[in-house]
PDB file of N, CA and C in Angstrom:
ATOM      1  N   GLN A   1     102.532 108.278  90.402  1.00  0.00           N
ATOM      2  CA  GLN A   1     101.819 107.273  91.375  1.00  0.00           C
ATOM      3  C   GLN A   1     101.310 108.268  92.421  1.00  0.00           C
ATOM      4  N   VAL A   2     100.443 107.777  93.192  1.00  0.00           N
ATOM      5  CA  VAL A   2      99.539 108.767  94.194  1.00  0.00           C
ATOM      6  C   VAL A   2      99.978 107.760  95.726  1.00  0.00           C
ATOM      7  N   GLN A   3     100.447 108.268  96.304  1.00  0.00           N
ATOM      8  CA  GLN A   3     100.559 107.943  97.839  1.00  0.00           C
ATOM      9  C   GLN A   3      99.578 108.538  98.906  1.00  0.00           C
ATOM     10  N   LEU A   4      98.812 107.622  99.617  1.00  0.00           N
ATOM     11  CA  LEU A   4      97.845 108.231 100.566  1.00  0.00           C
ATOM     12  C   LEU A   4      98.204 107.820 101.949  1.00  0.00           C
ATOM     13  N   VAL A   5      97.958 108.689 102.933  1.00  0.00           N
ATOM     14  CA  VAL A   5      98.366 108.369 104.339  1.00  0.00           C
ATOM     15  C   VAL A   5      96.983 108.871 105.419  1.00  0.00           C
ATOM     16  N   GLU A   6      96.453 108.075 105.805  1.00  0.00           N
ATOM     17  CA  GLU A   6      95.427 108.417 106.772  1.00  0.00           C
ATOM     18  C   GLU A   6      96.001 108.745 108.111  1.00  0.00           C
ATOM     19  N   SER A   7      95.151 109.285 108.981  1.00  0.00           N
ATOM     20  CA  SER A   7      95.513 109.698 110.383  1.00  0.00           C
ATOM     21  C   SER A   7      94.219 110.192 111.013  1.00  0.00           C
ATOM     22  N   GLY A   8      94.181 110.158 112.421  1.00  0.00           N
ATOM     23  CA  GLY A   8      92.982 110.483 113.088  1.00  0.00           C
ATOM     24  C   GLY A   8      92.237 109.484 113.692  1.00  0.00           C
ATOM     25  N   GLY A   9      92.540 108.172 113.572  1.00  0.00           N
ATOM     26  CA  GLY A   9      91.698 107.117 114.313  1.00  0.00           C
ATOM     27  C   GLY A   9      91.992 107.157 115.694  1.00  0.00           C
ATOM     28  N   GLY A  10      91.231 106.165 116.207  1.00  0.00           N
ATOM     29  CA  GLY A  10      91.663 105.884 117.806  1.00  0.00           C
ATOM     30  C   GLY A  10      90.460 105.492 118.313  1.00  0.00           C
ATOM     31  N   LEU A  11      90.361 105.323 119.735  1.00  0.00           N
ATOM     32  CA  LEU A  11      89.368 104.770 120.651  1.00  0.00           C
ATOM     33  C   LEU A  11      88.260 106.063 120.998  1.00  0.00           C
ATOM     34  N   VAL A  12      87.004 105.825 120.617  1.00  0.00           N
ATOM     35  CA  VAL A  12      86.093 106.955 121.247  1.00  0.00           C
ATOM     36  C   VAL A  12      85.083 106.268 121.954  1.00  0.00           C
ATOM     37  N   GLN A  13      84.304 106.986 122.698  1.00  0.00           N
ATOM     38  CA  GLN A  13      82.960 106.327 123.320  1.00  0.00           C
ATOM     39  C   GLN A  13      81.744 106.523 122.378  1.00  0.00           C
ATOM     40  N   ALA A  14      80.979 105.893 122.568  1.00  0.00           N
ATOM     41  CA  ALA A  14      79.829 105.812 121.678  1.00  0.00           C
ATOM     42  C   ALA A  14      79.004 107.234 121.955  1.00  0.00           C
ATOM     43  N   GLY A  15      78.695 107.670 120.752  1.00  0.00           N
ATOM     44  CA  GLY A  15      78.103 109.277 120.830  1.00  0.00           C
ATOM     45  C   GLY A  15      79.104 110.448 120.586  1.00  0.00           C
ATOM     46  N   GLY A  16      80.658 109.812 120.526  1.00  0.00           N
ATOM     47  CA  GLY A  16      81.304 110.888 120.362  1.00  0.00           C
ATOM     48  C   GLY A  16      81.932 111.156 119.023  1.00  0.00           C
ATOM     49  N   SER A  17      82.825 111.895 118.850  1.00  0.00           N
ATOM     50  CA  SER A  17      83.256 112.085 117.423  1.00  0.00           C
ATOM     51  C   SER A  17      84.773 111.929 117.069  1.00  0.00           C
ATOM     52  N   LEU A  18      84.835 111.912 115.898  1.00  0.00           N
ATOM     53  CA  LEU A  18      86.236 111.663 115.262  1.00  0.00           C
ATOM     54  C   LEU A  18      86.539 112.426 113.926  1.00  0.00           C
ATOM     55  N   ARG A  19      87.446 112.886 113.545  1.00  0.00           N
ATOM     56  CA  ARG A  19      87.778 113.483 112.307  1.00  0.00           C
ATOM     57  C   ARG A  19      89.197 112.926 111.766  1.00  0.00           C
ATOM     58  N   LEU A  20      89.031 112.197 110.634  1.00  0.00           N
ATOM     59  CA  LEU A  20      90.118 111.395 109.922  1.00  0.00           C
ATOM     60  C   LEU A  20      90.537 112.316 108.604  1.00  0.00           C
ATOM     61  N   SER A  21      91.985 112.095 108.618  1.00  0.00           N
ATOM     62  CA  SER A  21      92.258 113.145 107.529  1.00  0.00           C
ATOM     63  C   SER A  21      93.295 112.259 106.620  1.00  0.00           C
ATOM     64  N   CYS A  22      93.240 112.167 105.440  1.00  0.00           N
ATOM     65  CA  CYS A  22      94.108 111.670 104.294  1.00  0.00           C
ATOM     66  C   CYS A  22      95.004 112.871 103.703  1.00  0.00           C
ATOM     67  N   ALA A  23      96.156 112.468 103.582  1.00  0.00           N
ATOM     68  CA  ALA A  23      97.028 113.363 102.772  1.00  0.00           C
ATOM     69  C   ALA A  23      97.448 112.605 101.461  1.00  0.00           C
ATOM     70  N   ALA A  24      97.349 113.418 100.464  1.00  0.00           N
ATOM     71  CA  ALA A  24      98.090 112.537  99.232  1.00  0.00           C
ATOM     72  C   ALA A  24      99.250 113.326  98.733  1.00  0.00           C
ATOM     73  N   SER A  25     100.225 112.338  98.054  1.00  0.00           N
ATOM     74  CA  SER A  25     101.273 112.890  97.671  1.00  0.00           C
ATOM     75  C   SER A  25     101.766 111.897  96.412  1.00  0.00           C
ATOM     76  N   GLY A  26     102.857 112.588  95.690  1.00  0.00           N
ATOM     77  CA  GLY A  26     103.555 111.544  94.713  1.00  0.00           C
ATOM     78  C   GLY A  26     102.955 111.752  93.363  1.00  0.00           C
ATOM     79  N   GLY A  27     101.789 112.408  93.217  1.00  0.00           N
ATOM     80  CA  GLY A  27     100.962 112.517  92.242  1.00  0.00           C
ATOM     81  C   GLY A  27     100.404 113.848  92.032  1.00  0.00           C
ATOM     82  N   THR A  28      99.598 114.209  90.796  1.00  0.00           N
ATOM     83  CA  THR A  28      99.221 115.745  90.458  1.00  0.00           C
ATOM     84  C   THR A  28      97.826 115.540  91.417  1.00  0.00           C
ATOM     85  N   PHE A  29      97.089 114.699  91.463  1.00  0.00           N
ATOM     86  CA  PHE A  29      95.682 114.713  92.296  1.00  0.00           C
ATOM     87  C   PHE A  29      94.768 115.145  91.342  1.00  0.00           C
ATOM     88  N   VAL A  30      94.895 115.925  90.223  1.00  0.00           N
ATOM     89  CA  VAL A  30      94.095 116.357  89.311  1.00  0.00           C
ATOM     90  C   VAL A  30      93.101 115.202  88.640  1.00  0.00           C
ATOM     91  N   GLY A  31      91.907 115.269  88.839  1.00  0.00           N
ATOM     92  CA  GLY A  31      90.856 114.546  88.282  1.00  0.00           C
ATOM     93  C   GLY A  31      90.316 113.356  89.125  1.00  0.00           C
ATOM     94  N   TYR A  32      91.340 113.198  90.256  1.00  0.00           N
ATOM     95  CA  TYR A  32      90.822 111.902  90.989  1.00  0.00           C
ATOM     96  C   TYR A  32      89.575 112.052  91.923  1.00  0.00           C
ATOM     97  N   VAL A  33      88.978 110.879  91.810  1.00  0.00           N
ATOM     98  CA  VAL A  33      87.884 110.507  93.023  1.00  0.00           C
ATOM     99  C   VAL A  33      88.477 110.213  94.164  1.00  0.00           C
ATOM    100  N   MET A  34      88.144 110.837  95.289  1.00  0.00           N
ATOM    101  CA  MET A  34      88.544 110.335  96.532  1.00  0.00           C
ATOM    102  C   MET A  34      87.257 109.722  97.071  1.00  0.00           C
ATOM    103  N   GLY A  35      87.834 108.806  98.090  1.00  0.00           N
ATOM    104  CA  GLY A  35      86.796 107.926  98.904  1.00  0.00           C
ATOM    105  C   GLY A  35      87.283 107.445 100.112  1.00  0.00           C
ATOM    106  N   TRP A  36      86.396 107.385 101.119  1.00  0.00           N
ATOM    107  CA  TRP A  36      86.426 106.692 102.149  1.00  0.00           C
ATOM    108  C   TRP A  36      85.775 105.225 102.511  1.00  0.00           C
ATOM    109  N   PHE A  37      86.350 104.293 102.779  1.00  0.00           N
ATOM    110  CA  PHE A  37      85.979 103.015 102.963  1.00  0.00           C
ATOM    111  C   PHE A  37      86.197 102.184 104.340  1.00  0.00           C
ATOM    112  N   ARG A  38      85.523 101.409 104.871  1.00  0.00           N
ATOM    113  CA  ARG A  38      85.863 100.992 106.104  1.00  0.00           C
ATOM    114  C   ARG A  38      85.580  99.114 105.885  1.00  0.00           C
ATOM    115  N   GLN A  39      86.142  98.601 106.443  1.00  0.00           N
ATOM    116  CA  GLN A  39      86.253  97.378 106.946  1.00  0.00           C
ATOM    117  C   GLN A  39      86.293  96.587 108.216  1.00  0.00           C
ATOM    118  N   ALA A  40      85.246  96.088 108.642  1.00  0.00           N
ATOM    119  CA  ALA A  40      85.144  95.582 110.153  1.00  0.00           C
ATOM    120  C   ALA A  40      85.628  94.028 110.111  1.00  0.00           C
ATOM    121  N   PRO A  41      86.037  93.291 111.144  1.00  0.00           N
ATOM    122  CA  PRO A  41      86.542  91.962 111.213  1.00  0.00           C
ATOM    123  C   PRO A  41      85.407  91.099 110.571  1.00  0.00           C
ATOM    124  N   GLY A  42      85.845  90.194 109.573  1.00  0.00           N
ATOM    125  CA  GLY A  42      84.904  89.326 108.904  1.00  0.00           C
ATOM    126  C   GLY A  42      83.919  89.873 108.163  1.00  0.00           C
ATOM    127  N   LYS A  43      84.108  91.202 107.724  1.00  0.00           N
ATOM    128  CA  LYS A  43      82.676  91.708 106.889  1.00  0.00           C
ATOM    129  C   LYS A  43      83.719  92.158 105.405  1.00  0.00           C
ATOM    130  N   GLU A  44      82.940  92.566 104.566  1.00  0.00           N
ATOM    131  CA  GLU A  44      83.518  93.033 103.066  1.00  0.00           C
ATOM    132  C   GLU A  44      83.849  94.525 103.443  1.00  0.00           C
ATOM    133  N   ARG A  45      84.949  94.883 102.895  1.00  0.00           N
ATOM    134  CA  ARG A  45      84.869  96.523 102.654  1.00  0.00           C
ATOM    135  C   ARG A  45      83.819  97.066 101.896  1.00  0.00           C
ATOM    136  N   GLU A  46      83.563  98.094 102.510  1.00  0.00           N
ATOM    137  CA  GLU A  46      82.319  98.976 102.026  1.00  0.00           C
ATOM    138  C   GLU A  46      82.652 100.350 102.001  1.00  0.00           C
ATOM    139  N   VAL A  47      82.008 101.263 101.126  1.00  0.00           N
ATOM    140  CA  VAL A  47      82.248 102.639 100.975  1.00  0.00           C
ATOM    141  C   VAL A  47      81.559 103.367 101.912  1.00  0.00           C
ATOM    142  N   VAL A  48      82.102 104.312 102.568  1.00  0.00           N
ATOM    143  CA  VAL A  48      81.542 105.394 103.362  1.00  0.00           C
ATOM    144  C   VAL A  48      80.963 106.627 102.710  1.00  0.00           C
ATOM    145  N   ALA A  49      81.771 107.390 102.022  1.00  0.00           N
ATOM    146  CA  ALA A  49      81.718 108.262 101.376  1.00  0.00           C
ATOM    147  C   ALA A  49      82.804 108.573 100.112  1.00  0.00           C
ATOM    148  N   ALA A  50      82.304 109.484  99.112  1.00  0.00           N
ATOM    149  CA  ALA A  50      83.272 109.470  97.972  1.00  0.00           C
ATOM    150  C   ALA A  50      82.971 110.912  97.415  1.00  0.00           C
ATOM    151  N   ILE A  51      83.764 111.672  96.969  1.00  0.00           N
ATOM    152  CA  ILE A  51      83.743 112.916  96.180  1.00  0.00           C
ATOM    153  C   ILE A  51      84.618 112.903  95.026  1.00  0.00           C
ATOM    154  N   SER A  52      84.011 113.346  93.962  1.00  0.00           N
ATOM    155  CA  SER A  52      84.742 113.711  92.747  1.00  0.00           C
ATOM    156  C   SER A  52      85.513 114.641  92.661  1.00  0.00           C
ATOM    157  N   TRP A  53      86.403 115.036  91.607  1.00  0.00           N
ATOM    158  CA  TRP A  53      87.182 116.190  91.341  1.00  0.00           C
ATOM    159  C   TRP A  53      86.241 117.127  91.330  1.00  0.00           C
ATOM    160  N   ILE A  54      85.056 117.450  90.500  1.00  0.00           N
ATOM    161  CA  ILE A  54      84.223 118.418  90.522  1.00  0.00           C
ATOM    162  C   ILE A  54      83.244 118.731  91.337  1.00  0.00           C
ATOM    163  N   GLY A  55      83.146 117.859  92.306  1.00  0.00           N
ATOM    164  CA  GLY A  55      82.487 117.914  93.575  1.00  0.00           C
ATOM    165  C   GLY A  55      81.170 116.881  93.755  1.00  0.00           C
ATOM    166  N   ASP A  56      80.890 116.401  92.850  1.00  0.00           N
ATOM    167  CA  ASP A  56      79.826 115.065  92.943  1.00  0.00           C
ATOM    168  C   ASP A  56      80.163 114.188  93.985  1.00  0.00           C
ATOM    169  N   ARG A  57      78.890 113.634  94.542  1.00  0.00           N
ATOM    170  CA  ARG A  57      78.927 112.779  95.876  1.00  0.00           C
ATOM    171  C   ARG A  57      78.105 111.774  95.682  1.00  0.00           C
ATOM    172  N   LEU A  58      78.727 110.486  96.254  1.00  0.00           N
ATOM    173  CA  LEU A  58      77.941 109.459  96.380  1.00  0.00           C
ATOM    174  C   LEU A  58      76.832 109.762  97.536  1.00  0.00           C
ATOM    175  N   PRO A  59      75.470 109.194  97.241  1.00  0.00           N
ATOM    176  CA  PRO A  59      74.615 109.287  98.396  1.00  0.00           C
ATOM    177  C   PRO A  59      75.227 108.561  99.684  1.00  0.00           C
ATOM    178  N   TYR A  60      75.027 109.280 100.605  1.00  0.00           N
ATOM    179  CA  TYR A  60      75.274 108.703 102.037  1.00  0.00           C
ATOM    180  C   TYR A  60      74.563 107.189 102.183  1.00  0.00           C
ATOM    181  N   GLY A  61      74.916 106.313 102.952  1.00  0.00           N
ATOM    182  CA  GLY A  61      74.170 105.234 103.193  1.00  0.00           C
ATOM    183  C   GLY A  61      73.208 105.658 104.652  1.00  0.00           C
ATOM    184  N   ASP A  62      72.177 104.922 104.496  1.00  0.00           N
ATOM    185  CA  ASP A  62      71.298 104.784 105.676  1.00  0.00           C
ATOM    186  C   ASP A  62      72.175 104.812 107.194  1.00  0.00           C
ATOM    187  N   SER A  63      73.034 104.231 107.248  1.00  0.00           N
ATOM    188  CA  SER A  63      73.860 104.373 108.448  1.00  0.00           C
ATOM    189  C   SER A  63      74.767 105.216 108.726  1.00  0.00           C
ATOM    190  N   GLU A  64      75.264 106.071 107.530  1.00  0.00           N
ATOM    191  CA  GLU A  64      75.973 107.148 107.782  1.00  0.00           C
ATOM    192  C   GLU A  64      75.410 108.452 107.748  1.00  0.00           C
ATOM    193  N   LYS A  65      74.054 108.713 106.963  1.00  0.00           N
ATOM    194  CA  LYS A  65      73.432 109.797 106.520  1.00  0.00           C
ATOM    195  C   LYS A  65      73.198 110.586 108.044  1.00  0.00           C
ATOM    196  N   GLY A  66      73.426 111.858 108.164  1.00  0.00           N
ATOM    197  CA  GLY A  66      73.253 112.660 109.104  1.00  0.00           C
ATOM    198  C   GLY A  66      74.215 112.762 110.100  1.00  0.00           C
ATOM    199  N   ARG A  67      75.294 111.803 110.136  1.00  0.00           N
ATOM    200  CA  ARG A  67      76.413 111.630 111.026  1.00  0.00           C
ATOM    201  C   ARG A  67      77.835 111.886 110.299  1.00  0.00           C
ATOM    202  N   PHE A  68      77.990 111.300 109.116  1.00  0.00           N
ATOM    203  CA  PHE A  68      79.068 111.563 108.659  1.00  0.00           C
ATOM    204  C   PHE A  68      79.164 112.484 107.787  1.00  0.00           C
ATOM    205  N   THR A  69      80.471 113.366 107.437  1.00  0.00           N
ATOM    206  CA  THR A  69      80.618 114.281 106.166  1.00  0.00           C
ATOM    207  C   THR A  69      81.920 114.272 105.725  1.00  0.00           C
ATOM    208  N   MET A  70      81.922 114.042 104.520  1.00  0.00           N
ATOM    209  CA  MET A  70      83.282 114.033 103.812  1.00  0.00           C
ATOM    210  C   MET A  70      83.686 115.369 103.270  1.00  0.00           C
ATOM    211  N   SER A  71      84.861 115.845 103.018  1.00  0.00           N
ATOM    212  CA  SER A  71      85.236 117.064 102.494  1.00  0.00           C
ATOM    213  C   SER A  71      86.554 116.975 101.909  1.00  0.00           C
ATOM    214  N   ARG A  72      87.010 117.797 100.804  1.00  0.00           N
ATOM    215  CA  ARG A  72      88.159 117.657 100.278  1.00  0.00           C
ATOM    216  C   ARG A  72      88.741 118.986  99.818  1.00  0.00           C
ATOM    217  N   ASP A  73      90.036 119.242  99.728  1.00  0.00           N
ATOM    218  CA  ASP A  73      90.465 120.279  99.353  1.00  0.00           C
ATOM    219  C   ASP A  73      91.718 120.365  98.389  1.00  0.00           C
ATOM    220  N   ASN A  74      91.128 120.375  97.143  1.00  0.00           N
ATOM    221  CA  ASN A  74      92.216 119.880  95.926  1.00  0.00           C
ATOM    222  C   ASN A  74      93.502 120.709  96.098  1.00  0.00           C
ATOM    223  N   ALA A  75      93.545 121.938  96.332  1.00  0.00           N
ATOM    224  CA  ALA A  75      94.780 122.796  96.617  1.00  0.00           C
ATOM    225  C   ALA A  75      95.581 122.143  97.541  1.00  0.00           C
ATOM    226  N   LYS A  76      95.165 121.935  98.712  1.00  0.00           N
ATOM    227  CA  LYS A  76      96.118 121.237  99.807  1.00  0.00           C
ATOM    228  C   LYS A  76      96.219 119.739  99.586  1.00  0.00           C
ATOM    229  N   LYS A  77      95.542 118.852  98.516  1.00  0.00           N
ATOM    230  CA  LYS A  77      95.670 117.521  98.410  1.00  0.00           C
ATOM    231  C   LYS A  77      95.361 116.793  99.629  1.00  0.00           C
ATOM    232  N   MET A  78      94.150 117.235 100.210  1.00  0.00           N
ATOM    233  CA  MET A  78      93.744 116.517 101.584  1.00  0.00           C
ATOM    234  C   MET A  78      92.176 116.298 101.396  1.00  0.00           C
ATOM    235  N   VAL A  79      91.832 115.245 102.207  1.00  0.00           N
ATOM    236  CA  VAL A  79      90.478 114.921 102.065  1.00  0.00           C
ATOM    237  C   VAL A  79      90.453 114.659 103.701  1.00  0.00           C
ATOM    238  N   TRP A  80      88.865 114.785 104.356  1.00  0.00           N
ATOM    239  CA  TRP A  80      88.523 114.745 105.750  1.00  0.00           C
ATOM    240  C   TRP A  80      87.378 113.795 105.609  1.00  0.00           C
ATOM    241  N   LEU A  81      87.137 113.091 106.694  1.00  0.00           N
ATOM    242  CA  LEU A  81      85.672 112.284 107.068  1.00  0.00           C
ATOM    243  C   LEU A  81      85.418 112.931 108.558  1.00  0.00           C
ATOM    244  N   GLN A  82      84.673 113.707 108.675  1.00  0.00           N
ATOM    245  CA  GLN A  82      84.128 114.036 110.131  1.00  0.00           C
ATOM    246  C   GLN A  82      83.012 113.060 110.350  1.00  0.00           C
ATOM    247  N   MET A  83      83.233 112.588 111.646  1.00  0.00           N
ATOM    248  CA  MET A  83      82.294 111.642 112.074  1.00  0.00           C
ATOM    249  C   MET A  83      81.803 111.643 113.417  1.00  0.00           C
ATOM    250  N   ASN A  84      80.530 111.916 113.331  1.00  0.00           N
ATOM    251  CA  ASN A  84      79.855 112.597 114.699  1.00  0.00           C
ATOM    252  C   ASN A  84      78.725 111.323 115.060  1.00  0.00           C
ATOM    253  N   SER A  85      78.409 111.361 116.410  1.00  0.00           N
ATOM    254  CA  SER A  85      77.418 110.331 117.025  1.00  0.00           C
ATOM    255  C   SER A  85      77.606 108.936 116.495  1.00  0.00           C
ATOM    256  N   LEU A  86      78.951 108.576 116.775  1.00  0.00           N
ATOM    257  CA  LEU A  86      79.685 107.304 116.524  1.00  0.00           C
ATOM    258  C   LEU A  86      79.022 106.179 117.423  1.00  0.00           C
ATOM    259  N   LYS A  87      78.776 105.023 116.586  1.00  0.00           N
ATOM    260  CA  LYS A  87      78.034 103.758 117.288  1.00  0.00           C
ATOM    261  C   LYS A  87      79.341 102.667 117.447  1.00  0.00           C
ATOM    262  N   PRO A  88      79.073 101.777 118.190  1.00  0.00           N
ATOM    263  CA  PRO A  88      79.979 100.764 118.151  1.00  0.00           C
ATOM    264  C   PRO A  88      80.111  99.926 116.860  1.00  0.00           C
ATOM    265  N   GLU A  89      78.857  99.778 116.071  1.00  0.00           N
ATOM    266  CA  GLU A  89      79.008  99.412 114.747  1.00  0.00           C
ATOM    267  C   GLU A  89      79.843  99.958 113.616  1.00  0.00           C
ATOM    268  N   ASP A  90      80.254 101.098 114.140  1.00  0.00           N
ATOM    269  CA  ASP A  90      81.313 101.921 113.126  1.00  0.00           C
ATOM    270  C   ASP A  90      82.591 101.492 113.219  1.00  0.00           C
ATOM    271  N   THR A  91      82.682 100.748 114.436  1.00  0.00           N
ATOM    272  CA  THR A  91      84.236 100.072 114.730  1.00  0.00           C
ATOM    273  C   THR A  91      84.531  99.816 113.370  1.00  0.00           C
ATOM    274  N   ALA A  92      85.805  99.906 112.810  1.00  0.00           N
ATOM    275  CA  ALA A  92      86.548  99.224 111.575  1.00  0.00           C
ATOM    276  C   ALA A  92      87.714  99.940 111.301  1.00  0.00           C
ATOM    277  N   VAL A  93      88.502  99.476 110.532  1.00  0.00           N
ATOM    278  CA  VAL A  93      89.580  99.954 109.793  1.00  0.00           C
ATOM    279  C   VAL A  93      89.099 100.804 108.684  1.00  0.00           C
ATOM    280  N   TYR A  94      89.454 102.111 108.808  1.00  0.00           N
ATOM    281  CA  TYR A  94      88.934 103.101 107.624  1.00  0.00           C
ATOM    282  C   TYR A  94      90.164 103.233 106.829  1.00  0.00           C
ATOM    283  N   TYR A  95      89.883 103.382 105.503  1.00  0.00           N
ATOM    284  CA  TYR A  95      90.824 103.541 104.262  1.00  0.00           C
ATOM    285  C   TYR A  95      90.563 104.765 103.445  1.00  0.00           C
ATOM    286  N   CYS A  96      91.534 105.403 103.114  1.00  0.00           N
ATOM    287  CA  CYS A  96      91.330 106.571 102.316  1.00  0.00           C
ATOM    288  C   CYS A  96      91.607 106.001 100.820  1.00  0.00           C
ATOM    289  N   ALA A  97      90.896 106.262  99.891  1.00  0.00           N
ATOM    290  CA  ALA A  97      91.460 105.666  98.603  1.00  0.00           C
ATOM    291  C   ALA A  97      91.099 106.804  97.286  1.00  0.00           C
ATOM    292  N   ALA A  98      91.825 106.503  96.244  1.00  0.00           N
ATOM    293  CA  ALA A  98      91.607 107.286  94.984  1.00  0.00           C
ATOM    294  C   ALA A  98      91.552 106.564  93.915  1.00  0.00           C
ATOM    295  N   GLY A  99      90.616 107.003  92.911  1.00  0.00           N
ATOM    296  CA  GLY A  99      90.435 106.362  91.539  1.00  0.00           C
ATOM    297  C   GLY A  99      89.856 107.238  90.455  1.00  0.00           C
ATOM    298  N   ARG A 100      89.285 106.956  89.548  1.00  0.00           N
ATOM    299  CA  ARG A 100      88.912 107.725  88.493  1.00  0.00           C
ATOM    300  C   ARG A 100      87.300 107.584  88.317  1.00  0.00           C
ATOM    301  N   SER A 101      86.801 106.776  89.138  1.00  0.00           N
ATOM    302  CA  SER A 101      85.100 106.791  88.777  1.00  0.00           C
ATOM    303  C   SER A 101      84.705 106.869  90.008  1.00  0.00           C
ATOM    304  N   LEU A 102      83.507 107.667  90.220  1.00  0.00           N
ATOM    305  CA  LEU A 102      82.536 107.894  91.467  1.00  0.00           C
ATOM    306  C   LEU A 102      81.772 106.593  91.719  1.00  0.00           C
ATOM    307  N   SER A 103      82.053 105.594  92.461  1.00  0.00           N
ATOM    308  CA  SER A 103      81.782 104.352  92.576  1.00  0.00           C
ATOM    309  C   SER A 103      81.815 103.853  93.963  1.00  0.00           C
ATOM    310  N   PRO A 104      80.832 103.233  94.355  1.00  0.00           N
ATOM    311  CA  PRO A 104      80.890 102.402  95.602  1.00  0.00           C
ATOM    312  C   PRO A 104      81.903 101.045  95.603  1.00  0.00           C
ATOM    313  N   ARG A 105      82.285 100.856  94.516  1.00  0.00           N
ATOM    314  CA  ARG A 105      83.018  99.545  94.460  1.00  0.00           C
ATOM    315  C   ARG A 105      84.509  99.661  94.739  1.00  0.00           C
ATOM    316  N   PRO A 106      85.028  98.975  95.658  1.00  0.00           N
ATOM    317  CA  PRO A 106      86.323  99.144  96.038  1.00  0.00           C
ATOM    318  C   PRO A 106      87.363  98.690  95.006  1.00  0.00           C
ATOM    319  N   GLY A 107      86.883  97.926  94.124  1.00  0.00           N
ATOM    320  CA  GLY A 107      87.804  97.361  93.123  1.00  0.00           C
ATOM    321  C   GLY A 107      88.068  98.549  92.125  1.00  0.00           C
ATOM    322  N   LEU A 108      87.223  99.467  92.021  1.00  0.00           N
ATOM    323  CA  LEU A 108      87.495 100.666  90.926  1.00  0.00           C
ATOM    324  C   LEU A 108      88.386 101.861  91.485  1.00  0.00           C
ATOM    325  N   TYR A 109      89.102 101.777  92.607  1.00  0.00           N
ATOM    326  CA  TYR A 109      89.866 102.588  93.305  1.00  0.00           C
ATOM    327  C   TYR A 109      91.273 102.033  93.001  1.00  0.00           C
ATOM    328  N   ASN A 110      92.152 102.757  92.488  1.00  0.00           N
ATOM    329  CA  ASN A 110      93.481 102.373  92.107  1.00  0.00           C
ATOM    330  C   ASN A 110      94.582 102.196  93.389  1.00  0.00           C
ATOM    331  N   TYR A 111      94.451 103.389  94.181  1.00  0.00           N
ATOM    332  CA  TYR A 111      95.537 103.712  95.446  1.00  0.00           C
ATOM    333  C   TYR A 111      94.830 103.782  96.527  1.00  0.00           C
ATOM    334  N   TRP A 112      95.469 103.196  97.541  1.00  0.00           N
ATOM    335  CA  TRP A 112      94.902 103.040  98.879  1.00  0.00           C
ATOM    336  C   TRP A 112      96.208 103.079 100.055  1.00  0.00           C
ATOM    337  N   GLY A 113      95.424 103.799 101.039  1.00  0.00           N
ATOM    338  CA  GLY A 113      96.245 104.213 102.227  1.00  0.00           C
ATOM    339  C   GLY A 113      96.346 102.978 102.879  1.00  0.00           C
ATOM    340  N   GLN A 114      97.217 102.708 104.145  1.00  0.00           N
ATOM    341  CA  GLN A 114      97.164 101.727 104.850  1.00  0.00           C
ATOM    342  C   GLN A 114      96.265 101.604 106.014  1.00  0.00           C
ATOM    343  N   GLY A 115      95.209 102.436 106.151  1.00  0.00           N
ATOM    344  CA  GLY A 115      94.313 102.570 106.892  1.00  0.00           C
ATOM    345  C   GLY A 115      94.315 102.895 108.412  1.00  0.00           C
ATOM    346  N   THR A 116      93.267 103.360 109.067  1.00  0.00           N
ATOM    347  CA  THR A 116      93.306 103.787 110.350  1.00  0.00           C
ATOM    348  C   THR A 116      92.511 103.368 111.233  1.00  0.00           C
ATOM    349  N   GLN A 117      92.707 102.610 112.482  1.00  0.00           N
ATOM    350  CA  GLN A 117      91.592 101.988 113.190  1.00  0.00           C
ATOM    351  C   GLN A 117      90.685 103.017 114.066  1.00  0.00           C
ATOM    352  N   VAL A 118      89.442 102.624 113.721  1.00  0.00           N
ATOM    353  CA  VAL A 118      88.578 103.270 114.551  1.00  0.00           C
ATOM    354  C   VAL A 118      87.728 102.278 115.440  1.00  0.00           C
ATOM    355  N   THR A 119      87.835 102.573 116.583  1.00  0.00           N
ATOM    356  CA  THR A 119      87.145 102.029 117.587  1.00  0.00           C
ATOM    357  C   THR A 119      86.127 102.511 118.502  1.00  0.00           C
ATOM    358  N   VAL A 120      84.830 101.984 118.515  1.00  0.00           N
ATOM    359  CA  VAL A 120      83.803 102.881 119.307  1.00  0.00           C
ATOM    360  C   VAL A 120      83.289 101.970 120.386  1.00  0.00           C
ATOM    361  N   SER A 121      83.767 102.396 121.888  1.00  0.00           N
ATOM    362  CA  SER A 121      83.174 101.469 122.909  1.00  0.00           C
ATOM    363  C   SER A 121      81.705 101.846 123.101  1.00  0.00           C
ATOM    364  N   SER A 122      81.043 100.966 123.891  1.00  0.00           N
ATOM    365  CA  SER A 122      79.523 101.158 124.285  1.00  0.00           C
ATOM    366  C   SER A 122      79.688 101.423 125.708  1.00  0.00           C
TER     367      SER A 122
END
């Protein structure tokens, strides 16, 4: 079993930056795709970024491109999401997830963290 714990969320002013972290434990971590998802109130969960074990990446969406960067360190069993130029519409609970397929679909990820709240004030 894989356990995931996110950290780094908080309140930030529009235009500011946050760096989210996700630590994996309880499993080998080998071969897993790691992803970041977010869910705003009243909206569906959506992918922000994902990276496979071998380094393939999902294309960034238009809303994230040029602002968000995902990275991972397989030896440390850690992933990060650097978020710059934050906007109020980025406000959401952000989740770290692990799965076996590089996909934008939340249903294809098997393990989830509890989420960390990101709030961007205007």
